[in-house]
PDB file of N, CA and C in Angstrom:
ATOM      1  N   UNK A   1      57.485   9.174  22.640  1.00  0.00           N
ATOM      2  CA  UNK A   1      56.806   8.229  21.669  1.00  0.00           C
ATOM      3  C   UNK A   1      57.718   7.124  21.172  1.00  0.00           C
ATOM      4  N   UNK A   2      57.179   5.932  21.336  1.00  0.00           N
ATOM      5  CA  UNK A   2      57.992   4.832  21.004  1.00  0.00           C
ATOM      6  C   UNK A   2      58.036   4.804  19.480  1.00  0.00           C
ATOM      7  N   UNK A   3      59.242   4.401  18.987  1.00  0.00           N
ATOM      8  CA  UNK A   3      59.421   4.373  17.599  1.00  0.00           C
ATOM      9  C   UNK A   3      59.088   2.880  16.982  1.00  0.00           C
ATOM     10  N   UNK A   4      58.054   2.823  16.231  1.00  0.00           N
ATOM     11  CA  UNK A   4      57.701   1.594  15.635  1.00  0.00           C
ATOM     12  C   UNK A   4      57.856   1.747  14.174  1.00  0.00           C
ATOM     13  N   UNK A   5      57.636   0.542  13.409  1.00  0.00           N
ATOM     14  CA  UNK A   5      57.814   0.518  11.911  1.00  0.00           C
ATOM     15  C   UNK A   5      56.767   1.406  11.366  1.00  0.00           C
ATOM     16  N   UNK A   6      55.654   1.481  11.973  1.00  0.00           N
ATOM     17  CA  UNK A   6      54.395   2.192  11.285  1.00  0.00           C
ATOM     18  C   UNK A   6      54.499   3.717  11.624  1.00  0.00           C
ATOM     19  N   UNK A   7      55.326   4.144  12.620  1.00  0.00           N
ATOM     20  CA  UNK A   7      55.146   5.698  12.966  1.00  0.00           C
ATOM     21  C   UNK A   7      56.643   6.148  12.930  1.00  0.00           C
ATOM     22  N   UNK A   8      57.360   5.891  11.888  1.00  0.00           N
ATOM     23  CA  UNK A   8      58.688   6.528  11.701  1.00  0.00           C
ATOM     24  C   UNK A   8      58.579   7.998  11.487  1.00  0.00           C
ATOM     25  N   UNK A   9      59.325   8.759  12.041  1.00  0.00           N
ATOM     26  CA  UNK A   9      59.028  10.237  11.980  1.00  0.00           C
ATOM     27  C   UNK A   9      59.852  10.783  10.735  1.00  0.00           C
ATOM     28  N   UNK A  10      59.175  11.782  10.170  1.00  0.00           N
ATOM     29  CA  UNK A  10      59.766  12.403   9.051  1.00  0.00           C
ATOM     30  C   UNK A  10      60.675  13.574   9.387  1.00  0.00           C
ATOM     31  N   UNK A  11      61.368  14.104   8.444  1.00  0.00           N
ATOM     32  CA  UNK A  11      62.260  15.248   8.701  1.00  0.00           C
ATOM     33  C   UNK A  11      61.302  16.632   8.884  1.00  0.00           C
ATOM     34  N   UNK A  12      61.850  17.424   9.623  1.00  0.00           N
ATOM     35  CA  UNK A  12      61.152  18.706   9.868  1.00  0.00           C
ATOM     36  C   UNK A  12      62.120  19.766   9.175  1.00  0.00           C
ATOM     37  N   UNK A  13      61.658  20.265   8.018  1.00  0.00           N
ATOM     38  CA  UNK A  13      62.611  21.141   7.144  1.00  0.00           C
ATOM     39  C   UNK A  13      62.416  22.654   7.435  1.00  0.00           C
ATOM     40  N   UNK A  14      63.601  23.314   7.416  1.00  0.00           N
ATOM     41  CA  UNK A  14      63.615  24.785   7.089  1.00  0.00           C
ATOM     42  C   UNK A  14      64.091  24.954   5.726  1.00  0.00           C
ATOM     43  N   UNK A  15      63.381  25.792   4.963  1.00  0.00           N
ATOM     44  CA  UNK A  15      63.652  25.986   3.631  1.00  0.00           C
ATOM     45  C   UNK A  15      64.320  27.416   3.244  1.00  0.00           C
ATOM     46  N   UNK A  16      65.433  27.335   2.649  1.00  0.00           N
ATOM     47  CA  UNK A  16      66.023  28.568   2.177  1.00  0.00           C
ATOM     48  C   UNK A  16      66.080  28.596   0.700  1.00  0.00           C
ATOM     49  N   UNK A  17      65.841  29.872   0.163  1.00  0.00           N
ATOM     50  CA  UNK A  17      65.912  30.088  -1.274  1.00  0.00           C
ATOM     51  C   UNK A  17      67.281  30.477  -1.688  1.00  0.00           C
ATOM     52  N   UNK A  18      67.887  29.854  -2.436  1.00  0.00           N
ATOM     53  CA  UNK A  18      69.362  29.915  -2.870  1.00  0.00           C
ATOM     54  C   UNK A  18      69.536  30.894  -4.026  1.00  0.00           C
ATOM     55  N   UNK A  19      68.558  31.120  -4.828  1.00  0.00           N
ATOM     56  CA  UNK A  19      68.602  31.906  -6.092  1.00  0.00           C
ATOM     57  C   UNK A  19      68.846  31.058  -7.310  1.00  0.00           C
ATOM     58  N   UNK A  20      68.885  31.742  -8.417  1.00  0.00           N
ATOM     59  CA  UNK A  20      69.053  31.017  -9.693  1.00  0.00           C
ATOM     60  C   UNK A  20      70.520  30.934 -10.043  1.00  0.00           C
ATOM     61  N   UNK A  21      71.004  30.023 -10.837  1.00  0.00           N
ATOM     62  CA  UNK A  21      72.291  29.983 -11.471  1.00  0.00           C
ATOM     63  C   UNK A  21      72.123  30.905 -12.679  1.00  0.00           C
ATOM     64  N   UNK A  22      73.366  31.524 -13.084  1.00  0.00           N
ATOM     65  CA  UNK A  22      73.207  32.335 -14.233  1.00  0.00           C
ATOM     66  C   UNK A  22      72.797  31.592 -15.521  1.00  0.00           C
ATOM     67  N   UNK A  23      72.158  32.233 -16.337  1.00  0.00           N
ATOM     68  CA  UNK A  23      71.640  31.655 -17.619  1.00  0.00           C
ATOM     69  C   UNK A  23      70.256  31.647 -17.753  1.00  0.00           C
ATOM     70  N   UNK A  24      69.824  31.281 -18.903  1.00  0.00           N
ATOM     71  CA  UNK A  24      68.383  31.381 -19.283  1.00  0.00           C
ATOM     72  C   UNK A  24      67.677  30.073 -18.875  1.00  0.00           C
ATOM     73  N   UNK A  25      66.475  30.359 -18.362  1.00  0.00           N
ATOM     74  CA  UNK A  25      65.620  29.365 -17.880  1.00  0.00           C
ATOM     75  C   UNK A  25      66.142  28.318 -16.860  1.00  0.00           C
ATOM     76  N   UNK A  26      66.931  28.856 -15.957  1.00  0.00           N
ATOM     77  CA  UNK A  26      67.499  28.081 -15.015  1.00  0.00           C
ATOM     78  C   UNK A  26      66.398  28.030 -13.687  1.00  0.00           C
ATOM     79  N   UNK A  27      66.245  26.901 -13.069  1.00  0.00           N
ATOM     80  CA  UNK A  27      65.254  26.767 -12.087  1.00  0.00           C
ATOM     81  C   UNK A  27      65.681  27.415 -10.753  1.00  0.00           C
ATOM     82  N   UNK A  28      64.723  27.812  -9.936  1.00  0.00           N
ATOM     83  CA  UNK A  28      65.047  28.308  -8.576  1.00  0.00           C
ATOM     84  C   UNK A  28      65.696  27.186  -7.791  1.00  0.00           C
ATOM     85  N   UNK A  29      66.682  27.361  -7.032  1.00  0.00           N
ATOM     86  CA  UNK A  29      67.255  26.463  -6.177  1.00  0.00           C
ATOM     87  C   UNK A  29      66.985  26.648  -4.679  1.00  0.00           C
ATOM     88  N   UNK A  30      66.729  25.590  -4.019  1.00  0.00           N
ATOM     89  CA  UNK A  30      66.392  25.673  -2.702  1.00  0.00           C
ATOM     90  C   UNK A  30      67.242  24.670  -1.741  1.00  0.00           C
ATOM     91  N   UNK A  31      67.536  25.168  -0.497  1.00  0.00           N
ATOM     92  CA  UNK A  31      68.191  24.249   0.351  1.00  0.00           C
ATOM     93  C   UNK A  31      67.191  23.887   1.513  1.00  0.00           C
ATOM     94  N   UNK A  32      67.032  22.584   1.674  1.00  0.00           N
ATOM     95  CA  UNK A  32      66.113  21.976   2.788  1.00  0.00           C
ATOM     96  C   UNK A  32      67.131  21.600   3.766  1.00  0.00           C
ATOM     97  N   UNK A  33      66.999  22.059   5.055  1.00  0.00           N
ATOM     98  CA  UNK A  33      67.702  21.586   6.204  1.00  0.00           C
ATOM     99  C   UNK A  33      66.882  21.206   7.341  1.00  0.00           C
ATOM    100  N   UNK A  34      67.048  19.884   7.699  1.00  0.00           N
ATOM    101  CA  UNK A  34      66.239  19.318   8.803  1.00  0.00           C
ATOM    102  C   UNK A  34      66.622  19.964  10.086  1.00  0.00           C
ATOM    103  N   UNK A  35      65.699  20.279  10.855  1.00  0.00           N
ATOM    104  CA  UNK A  35      65.918  20.966  12.222  1.00  0.00           C
ATOM    105  C   UNK A  35      66.418  20.013  13.193  1.00  0.00           C
ATOM    106  N   UNK A  36      66.068  18.723  13.011  1.00  0.00           N
ATOM    107  CA  UNK A  36      66.339  17.683  14.127  1.00  0.00           C
ATOM    108  C   UNK A  36      67.721  17.257  13.858  1.00  0.00           C
ATOM    109  N   UNK A  37      67.947  16.625  12.638  1.00  0.00           N
ATOM    110  CA  UNK A  37      69.227  15.810  12.384  1.00  0.00           C
ATOM    111  C   UNK A  37      70.211  16.674  11.677  1.00  0.00           C
ATOM    112  N   UNK A  38      69.884  17.906  11.210  1.00  0.00           N
ATOM    113  CA  UNK A  38      70.781  18.829  10.609  1.00  0.00           C
ATOM    114  C   UNK A  38      71.283  18.296   9.206  1.00  0.00           C
ATOM    115  N   UNK A  39      70.609  17.318   8.630  1.00  0.00           N
ATOM    116  CA  UNK A  39      71.035  16.991   7.267  1.00  0.00           C
ATOM    117  C   UNK A  39      70.528  18.082   6.275  1.00  0.00           C
ATOM    118  N   UNK A  40      71.273  18.369   5.277  1.00  0.00           N
ATOM    119  CA  UNK A  40      70.862  19.421   4.301  1.00  0.00           C
ATOM    120  C   UNK A  40      70.765  18.727   2.813  1.00  0.00           C
ATOM    121  N   UNK A  41      69.780  19.201   2.080  1.00  0.00           N
ATOM    122  CA  UNK A  41      69.495  18.812   0.761  1.00  0.00           C
ATOM    123  C   UNK A  41      69.436  19.988  -0.170  1.00  0.00           C
ATOM    124  N   UNK A  42      69.915  19.999  -1.382  1.00  0.00           N
ATOM    125  CA  UNK A  42      69.824  21.049  -2.328  1.00  0.00           C
ATOM    126  C   UNK A  42      68.901  20.516  -3.560  1.00  0.00           C
ATOM    127  N   UNK A  43      67.866  21.305  -3.795  1.00  0.00           N
ATOM    128  CA  UNK A  43      66.902  20.988  -4.755  1.00  0.00           C
ATOM    129  C   UNK A  43      67.195  21.771  -6.074  1.00  0.00           C
ATOM    130  N   UNK A  44      67.096  21.365  -7.150  1.00  0.00           N
ATOM    131  CA  UNK A  44      67.176  21.972  -8.547  1.00  0.00           C
ATOM    132  C   UNK A  44      68.715  22.476  -8.728  1.00  0.00           C
ATOM    133  N   UNK A  45      69.597  21.938  -8.192  1.00  0.00           N
ATOM    134  CA  UNK A  45      71.118  22.478  -8.284  1.00  0.00           C
ATOM    135  C   UNK A  45      71.668  22.145  -9.638  1.00  0.00           C
ATOM    136  N   UNK A  46      71.454  20.886 -10.120  1.00  0.00           N
ATOM    137  CA  UNK A  46      72.006  20.504 -11.413  1.00  0.00           C
ATOM    138  C   UNK A  46      71.170  20.673 -12.535  1.00  0.00           C
ATOM    139  N   UNK A  47      69.770  20.605 -12.159  1.00  0.00           N
ATOM    140  CA  UNK A  47      68.791  20.874 -13.254  1.00  0.00           C
ATOM    141  C   UNK A  47      67.355  20.728 -12.521  1.00  0.00           C
ATOM    142  N   UNK A  48      66.324  20.971 -13.297  1.00  0.00           N
ATOM    143  CA  UNK A  48      64.888  21.008 -12.674  1.00  0.00           C
ATOM    144  C   UNK A  48      64.690  19.477 -12.134  1.00  0.00           C
ATOM    145  N   UNK A  49      64.378  19.477 -10.838  1.00  0.00           N
ATOM    146  CA  UNK A  49      63.888  18.284 -10.293  1.00  0.00           C
ATOM    147  C   UNK A  49      65.037  17.446  -9.604  1.00  0.00           C
ATOM    148  N   UNK A  50      66.280  18.030  -9.717  1.00  0.00           N
ATOM    149  CA  UNK A  50      67.453  17.358  -9.089  1.00  0.00           C
ATOM    150  C   UNK A  50      67.538  17.377  -7.651  1.00  0.00           C
ATOM    151  N   UNK A  51      68.038  16.382  -7.005  1.00  0.00           N
ATOM    152  CA  UNK A  51      68.186  16.468  -5.601  1.00  0.00           C
ATOM    153  C   UNK A  51      69.667  16.051  -5.238  1.00  0.00           C
ATOM    154  N   UNK A  52      70.219  16.816  -4.334  1.00  0.00           N
ATOM    155  CA  UNK A  52      71.662  16.459  -3.972  1.00  0.00           C
ATOM    156  C   UNK A  52      71.758  16.761  -2.565  1.00  0.00           C
ATOM    157  N   UNK A  53      72.659  15.899  -1.832  1.00  0.00           N
ATOM    158  CA  UNK A  53      72.906  15.914  -0.448  1.00  0.00           C
ATOM    159  C   UNK A  53      74.028  17.134  -0.308  1.00  0.00           C
ATOM    160  N   UNK A  54      73.883  17.907   0.663  1.00  0.00           N
ATOM    161  CA  UNK A  54      74.914  18.903   0.944  1.00  0.00           C
ATOM    162  C   UNK A  54      75.674  18.259   2.026  1.00  0.00           C
ATOM    163  N   UNK A  55      76.880  17.935   1.766  1.00  0.00           N
ATOM    164  CA  UNK A  55      77.675  17.108   2.787  1.00  0.00           C
ATOM    165  C   UNK A  55      78.074  18.047   3.887  1.00  0.00           C
ATOM    166  N   UNK A  56      77.669  17.574   5.079  1.00  0.00           N
ATOM    167  CA  UNK A  56      78.026  18.259   6.256  1.00  0.00           C
ATOM    168  C   UNK A  56      79.300  17.837   6.932  1.00  0.00           C
ATOM    169  N   UNK A  57      79.808  16.733   6.409  1.00  0.00           N
ATOM    170  CA  UNK A  57      81.176  16.303   6.807  1.00  0.00           C
ATOM    171  C   UNK A  57      81.864  15.947   5.545  1.00  0.00           C
ATOM    172  N   UNK A  58      83.248  16.188   5.514  1.00  0.00           N
ATOM    173  CA  UNK A  58      83.994  15.952   4.427  1.00  0.00           C
ATOM    174  C   UNK A  58      84.121  14.361   4.131  1.00  0.00           C
ATOM    175  N   UNK A  59      84.147  13.903   2.959  1.00  0.00           N
ATOM    176  CA  UNK A  59      84.361  12.585   2.666  1.00  0.00           C
ATOM    177  C   UNK A  59      83.154  11.728   2.899  1.00  0.00           C
ATOM    178  N   UNK A  60      81.893  12.385   2.485  1.00  0.00           N
ATOM    179  CA  UNK A  60      80.728  11.586   2.729  1.00  0.00           C
ATOM    180  C   UNK A  60      80.641  10.461   1.600  1.00  0.00           C
ATOM    181  N   UNK A  61      80.361   9.238   2.075  1.00  0.00           N
ATOM    182  CA  UNK A  61      80.391   8.175   1.057  1.00  0.00           C
ATOM    183  C   UNK A  61      79.150   8.163   0.202  1.00  0.00           C
ATOM    184  N   UNK A  62      79.127   7.401  -1.005  1.00  0.00           N
ATOM    185  CA  UNK A  62      78.138   7.367  -1.851  1.00  0.00           C
ATOM    186  C   UNK A  62      77.016   6.673  -1.258  1.00  0.00           C
ATOM    187  N   UNK A  63      77.350   5.619  -0.382  1.00  0.00           N
ATOM    188  CA  UNK A  63      76.209   4.839   0.198  1.00  0.00           C
ATOM    189  C   UNK A  63      75.551   5.699   1.166  1.00  0.00           C
ATOM    190  N   UNK A  64      76.214   6.460   1.898  1.00  0.00           N
ATOM    191  CA  UNK A  64      75.560   7.481   2.847  1.00  0.00           C
ATOM    192  C   UNK A  64      74.625   8.466   2.028  1.00  0.00           C
ATOM    193  N   UNK A  65      75.139   8.918   1.104  1.00  0.00           N
ATOM    194  CA  UNK A  65      74.373   9.845   0.254  1.00  0.00           C
ATOM    195  C   UNK A  65      73.090   9.269  -0.290  1.00  0.00           C
ATOM    196  N   UNK A  66      73.180   8.051  -0.767  1.00  0.00           N
ATOM    197  CA  UNK A  66      71.835   7.299  -1.152  1.00  0.00           C
ATOM    198  C   UNK A  66      70.957   7.072  -0.078  1.00  0.00           C
ATOM    199  N   UNK A  67      71.523   6.759   1.082  1.00  0.00           N
ATOM    200  CA  UNK A  67      70.648   6.494   2.233  1.00  0.00           C
ATOM    201  C   UNK A  67      69.947   7.714   2.808  1.00  0.00           C
ATOM    202  N   UNK A  68      70.619   8.873   2.729  1.00  0.00           N
ATOM    203  CA  UNK A  68      70.016  10.147   3.097  1.00  0.00           C
ATOM    204  C   UNK A  68      68.981  10.591   1.943  1.00  0.00           C
ATOM    205  N   UNK A  69      69.298  10.366   0.767  1.00  0.00           N
ATOM    206  CA  UNK A  69      68.303  10.814  -0.306  1.00  0.00           C
ATOM    207  C   UNK A  69      67.006   9.942  -0.223  1.00  0.00           C
ATOM    208  N   UNK A  70      67.235   8.652   0.240  1.00  0.00           N
ATOM    209  CA  UNK A  70      65.926   7.736   0.327  1.00  0.00           C
ATOM    210  C   UNK A  70      65.199   8.250   1.549  1.00  0.00           C
ATOM    211  N   UNK A  71      65.690   8.918   2.505  1.00  0.00           N
ATOM    212  CA  UNK A  71      64.764   9.307   3.696  1.00  0.00           C
ATOM    213  C   UNK A  71      64.367  10.762   3.435  1.00  0.00           C
ATOM    214  N   UNK A  72      64.530  11.463   2.324  1.00  0.00           N
ATOM    215  CA  UNK A  72      64.226  12.753   2.097  1.00  0.00           C
ATOM    216  C   UNK A  72      62.714  13.061   2.319  1.00  0.00           C
ATOM    217  N   UNK A  73      61.901  12.366   1.612  1.00  0.00           N
ATOM    218  CA  UNK A  73      60.541  12.558   1.694  1.00  0.00           C
ATOM    219  C   UNK A  73      59.677  11.983   2.702  1.00  0.00           C
ATOM    220  N   UNK A  74      59.922  10.731   2.972  1.00  0.00           N
ATOM    221  CA  UNK A  74      59.123   9.972   4.061  1.00  0.00           C
ATOM    222  C   UNK A  74      59.945   9.748   5.393  1.00  0.00           C
ATOM    223  N   UNK A  75      61.145  10.041   5.382  1.00  0.00           N
ATOM    224  CA  UNK A  75      61.957   9.710   6.632  1.00  0.00           C
ATOM    225  C   UNK A  75      62.372   8.292   6.549  1.00  0.00           C
ATOM    226  N   UNK A  76      62.925   7.789   7.672  1.00  0.00           N
ATOM    227  CA  UNK A  76      62.890   8.337   9.016  1.00  0.00           C
ATOM    228  C   UNK A  76      64.061   9.279   9.317  1.00  0.00           C
ATOM    229  N   UNK A  77      63.720  10.194  10.103  1.00  0.00           N
ATOM    230  CA  UNK A  77      64.729  11.280  10.519  1.00  0.00           C
ATOM    231  C   UNK A  77      65.621  10.677  11.685  1.00  0.00           C
ATOM    232  N   UNK A  78      66.862  10.558  11.443  1.00  0.00           N
ATOM    233  CA  UNK A  78      67.678   9.859  12.572  1.00  0.00           C
ATOM    234  C   UNK A  78      67.885  10.827  13.798  1.00  0.00           C
ATOM    235  N   UNK A  79      67.472  12.076  13.595  1.00  0.00           N
ATOM    236  CA  UNK A  79      67.616  12.878  14.778  1.00  0.00           C
ATOM    237  C   UNK A  79      66.521  12.724  15.872  1.00  0.00           C
ATOM    238  N   UNK A  80      65.391  12.019  15.420  1.00  0.00           N
ATOM    239  CA  UNK A  80      64.260  11.746  16.328  1.00  0.00           C
ATOM    240  C   UNK A  80      63.954  10.369  16.502  1.00  0.00           C
ATOM    241  N   UNK A  81      64.940   9.339  16.328  1.00  0.00           N
ATOM    242  CA  UNK A  81      64.831   7.932  16.383  1.00  0.00           C
ATOM    243  C   UNK A  81      65.339   7.382  17.795  1.00  0.00           C
ATOM    244  N   UNK A  82      64.895   8.010  18.885  1.00  0.00           N
ATOM    245  CA  UNK A  82      65.338   7.557  20.121  1.00  0.00           C
ATOM    246  C   UNK A  82      64.048   7.359  21.052  1.00  0.00           C
ATOM    247  N   UNK A  83      64.200   6.569  22.000  1.00  0.00           N
ATOM    248  CA  UNK A  83      63.129   6.294  22.954  1.00  0.00           C
ATOM    249  C   UNK A  83      63.087   7.407  23.949  1.00  0.00           C
ATOM    250  N   UNK A  84      61.821   7.880  24.107  1.00  0.00           N
ATOM    251  CA  UNK A  84      61.568   8.866  25.111  1.00  0.00           C
ATOM    252  C   UNK A  84      60.813   8.563  26.333  1.00  0.00           C
ATOM    253  N   UNK A  85      60.782   7.139  26.536  1.00  0.00           N
ATOM    254  CA  UNK A  85      60.010   6.603  27.593  1.00  0.00           C
ATOM    255  C   UNK A  85      60.775   6.783  28.914  1.00  0.00           C
ATOM    256  N   UNK A  86      62.125   6.920  28.939  1.00  0.00           N
ATOM    257  CA  UNK A  86      62.851   7.128  30.079  1.00  0.00           C
ATOM    258  C   UNK A  86      63.177   8.619  30.168  1.00  0.00           C
ATOM    259  N   UNK A  87      62.215   9.478  30.686  1.00  0.00           N
ATOM    260  CA  UNK A  87      62.376  10.882  30.784  1.00  0.00           C
ATOM    261  C   UNK A  87      63.024  11.273  32.009  1.00  0.00           C
ATOM    262  N   UNK A  88      63.710  12.349  31.959  1.00  0.00           N
ATOM    263  CA  UNK A  88      64.274  12.814  33.198  1.00  0.00           C
ATOM    264  C   UNK A  88      63.265  13.221  34.204  1.00  0.00           C
ATOM    265  N   UNK A  89      63.710  13.291  35.566  1.00  0.00           N
ATOM    266  CA  UNK A  89      62.708  13.569  36.591  1.00  0.00           C
ATOM    267  C   UNK A  89      62.026  14.827  36.536  1.00  0.00           C
ATOM    268  N   UNK A  90      62.714  15.820  35.872  1.00  0.00           N
ATOM    269  CA  UNK A  90      62.058  17.138  35.941  1.00  0.00           C
ATOM    270  C   UNK A  90      61.168  17.352  34.719  1.00  0.00           C
ATOM    271  N   UNK A  91      60.963  16.306  33.919  1.00  0.00           N
ATOM    272  CA  UNK A  91      60.080  16.538  32.630  1.00  0.00           C
ATOM    273  C   UNK A  91      58.700  15.859  32.973  1.00  0.00           C
ATOM    274  N   UNK A  92      57.688  16.660  32.723  1.00  0.00           N
ATOM    275  CA  UNK A  92      56.343  16.089  32.948  1.00  0.00           C
ATOM    276  C   UNK A  92      55.747  15.577  31.627  1.00  0.00           C
ATOM    277  N   UNK A  93      55.297  14.398  31.438  1.00  0.00           N
ATOM    278  CA  UNK A  93      54.724  13.990  30.304  1.00  0.00           C
ATOM    279  C   UNK A  93      53.410  14.703  30.126  1.00  0.00           C
ATOM    280  N   UNK A  94      52.993  15.062  28.853  1.00  0.00           N
ATOM    281  CA  UNK A  94      51.773  15.800  28.590  1.00  0.00           C
ATOM    282  C   UNK A  94      50.533  14.773  28.407  1.00  0.00           C
ATOM    283  N   UNK A  95      50.919  13.630  27.941  1.00  0.00           N
ATOM    284  CA  UNK A  95      49.722  12.583  27.901  1.00  0.00           C
ATOM    285  C   UNK A  95      49.485  11.929  29.215  1.00  0.00           C
ATOM    286  N   UNK A  96      48.093  11.825  29.483  1.00  0.00           N
ATOM    287  CA  UNK A  96      47.752  11.279  30.872  1.00  0.00           C
ATOM    288  C   UNK A  96      48.191   9.759  31.098  1.00  0.00           C
ATOM    289  N   UNK A  97      48.142   9.143  29.963  1.00  0.00           N
ATOM    290  CA  UNK A  97      48.491   7.706  30.207  1.00  0.00           C
ATOM    291  C   UNK A  97      49.927   7.448  30.509  1.00  0.00           C
ATOM    292  N   UNK A  98      50.745   8.479  30.234  1.00  0.00           N
ATOM    293  CA  UNK A  98      52.113   8.348  30.603  1.00  0.00           C
ATOM    294  C   UNK A  98      52.481   8.951  31.999  1.00  0.00           C
ATOM    295  N   UNK A  99      51.591   9.675  32.563  1.00  0.00           N
ATOM    296  CA  UNK A  99      51.754  10.294  33.999  1.00  0.00           C
ATOM    297  C   UNK A  99      51.683   9.104  35.053  1.00  0.00           C
ATOM    298  N   UNK A 100      52.420   9.382  36.172  1.00  0.00           N
ATOM    299  CA  UNK A 100      52.182   8.458  37.274  1.00  0.00           C
ATOM    300  C   UNK A 100      51.094   8.721  38.049  1.00  0.00           C
ATOM    301  N   UNK A 101      50.578   7.876  38.803  1.00  0.00           N
ATOM    302  CA  UNK A 101      49.439   8.002  39.642  1.00  0.00           C
ATOM    303  C   UNK A 101      49.615   8.994  40.667  1.00  0.00           C
ATOM    304  N   UNK A 102      48.481   9.879  40.916  1.00  0.00           N
ATOM    305  CA  UNK A 102      48.639  10.883  41.964  1.00  0.00           C
ATOM    306  C   UNK A 102      48.765  10.307  43.273  1.00  0.00           C
ATOM    307  N   UNK A 103      49.410  10.989  44.177  1.00  0.00           N
ATOM    308  CA  UNK A 103      49.631  10.493  45.538  1.00  0.00           C
ATOM    309  C   UNK A 103      48.417  11.013  46.361  1.00  0.00           C
ATOM    310  N   UNK A 104      48.251  10.521  47.523  1.00  0.00           N
ATOM    311  CA  UNK A 104      47.155  10.969  48.371  1.00  0.00           C
ATOM    312  C   UNK A 104      47.244  12.387  48.609  1.00  0.00           C
ATOM    313  N   UNK A 105      48.472  12.931  48.914  1.00  0.00           N
ATOM    314  CA  UNK A 105      48.622  14.330  49.175  1.00  0.00           C
ATOM    315  C   UNK A 105      48.155  15.211  48.013  1.00  0.00           C
ATOM    316  N   UNK A 106      48.425  14.830  46.763  1.00  0.00           N
ATOM    317  CA  UNK A 106      47.952  15.596  45.611  1.00  0.00           C
ATOM    318  C   UNK A 106      46.518  15.594  45.403  1.00  0.00           C
ATOM    319  N   UNK A 107      45.878  14.436  45.716  1.00  0.00           N
ATOM    320  CA  UNK A 107      44.408  14.388  45.660  1.00  0.00           C
ATOM    321  C   UNK A 107      43.657  15.269  46.794  1.00  0.00           C
ATOM    322  N   UNK A 108      44.404  15.391  47.922  1.00  0.00           N
ATOM    323  CA  UNK A 108      43.770  16.248  49.017  1.00  0.00           C
ATOM    324  C   UNK A 108      43.897  17.723  48.583  1.00  0.00           C
ATOM    325  N   UNK A 109      45.027  18.171  47.884  1.00  0.00           N
ATOM    326  CA  UNK A 109      45.255  19.436  47.545  1.00  0.00           C
ATOM    327  C   UNK A 109      44.150  19.947  46.576  1.00  0.00           C
ATOM    328  N   UNK A 110      43.518  19.008  45.757  1.00  0.00           N
ATOM    329  CA  UNK A 110      42.416  19.367  44.826  1.00  0.00           C
ATOM    330  C   UNK A 110      41.228  19.537  45.664  1.00  0.00           C
TER     331      UNK A 110
END
């Protein structure tokens, strides 16, 4: 799929329940981890409705945290932002418009 401004792909999350912090009326905490880019976010850690980036590398800058938080709901997911038009020879595209024309030998076999 070509990456255009209108079809930026969103994150694909796996969600873990992290339990509650000790105390009364503390919200349930969740960790959202993208299966493509491996970014992790923690929901309800500091309070109800809070969103925090789980640093996968030490020394994550504040600008990088803000960039990741901005992509949390609608993307784009950086793990899926590459061109797939140049497929390896052993991969067959599923869409007909991307397949090469059949050779005469293939048409006779049918």
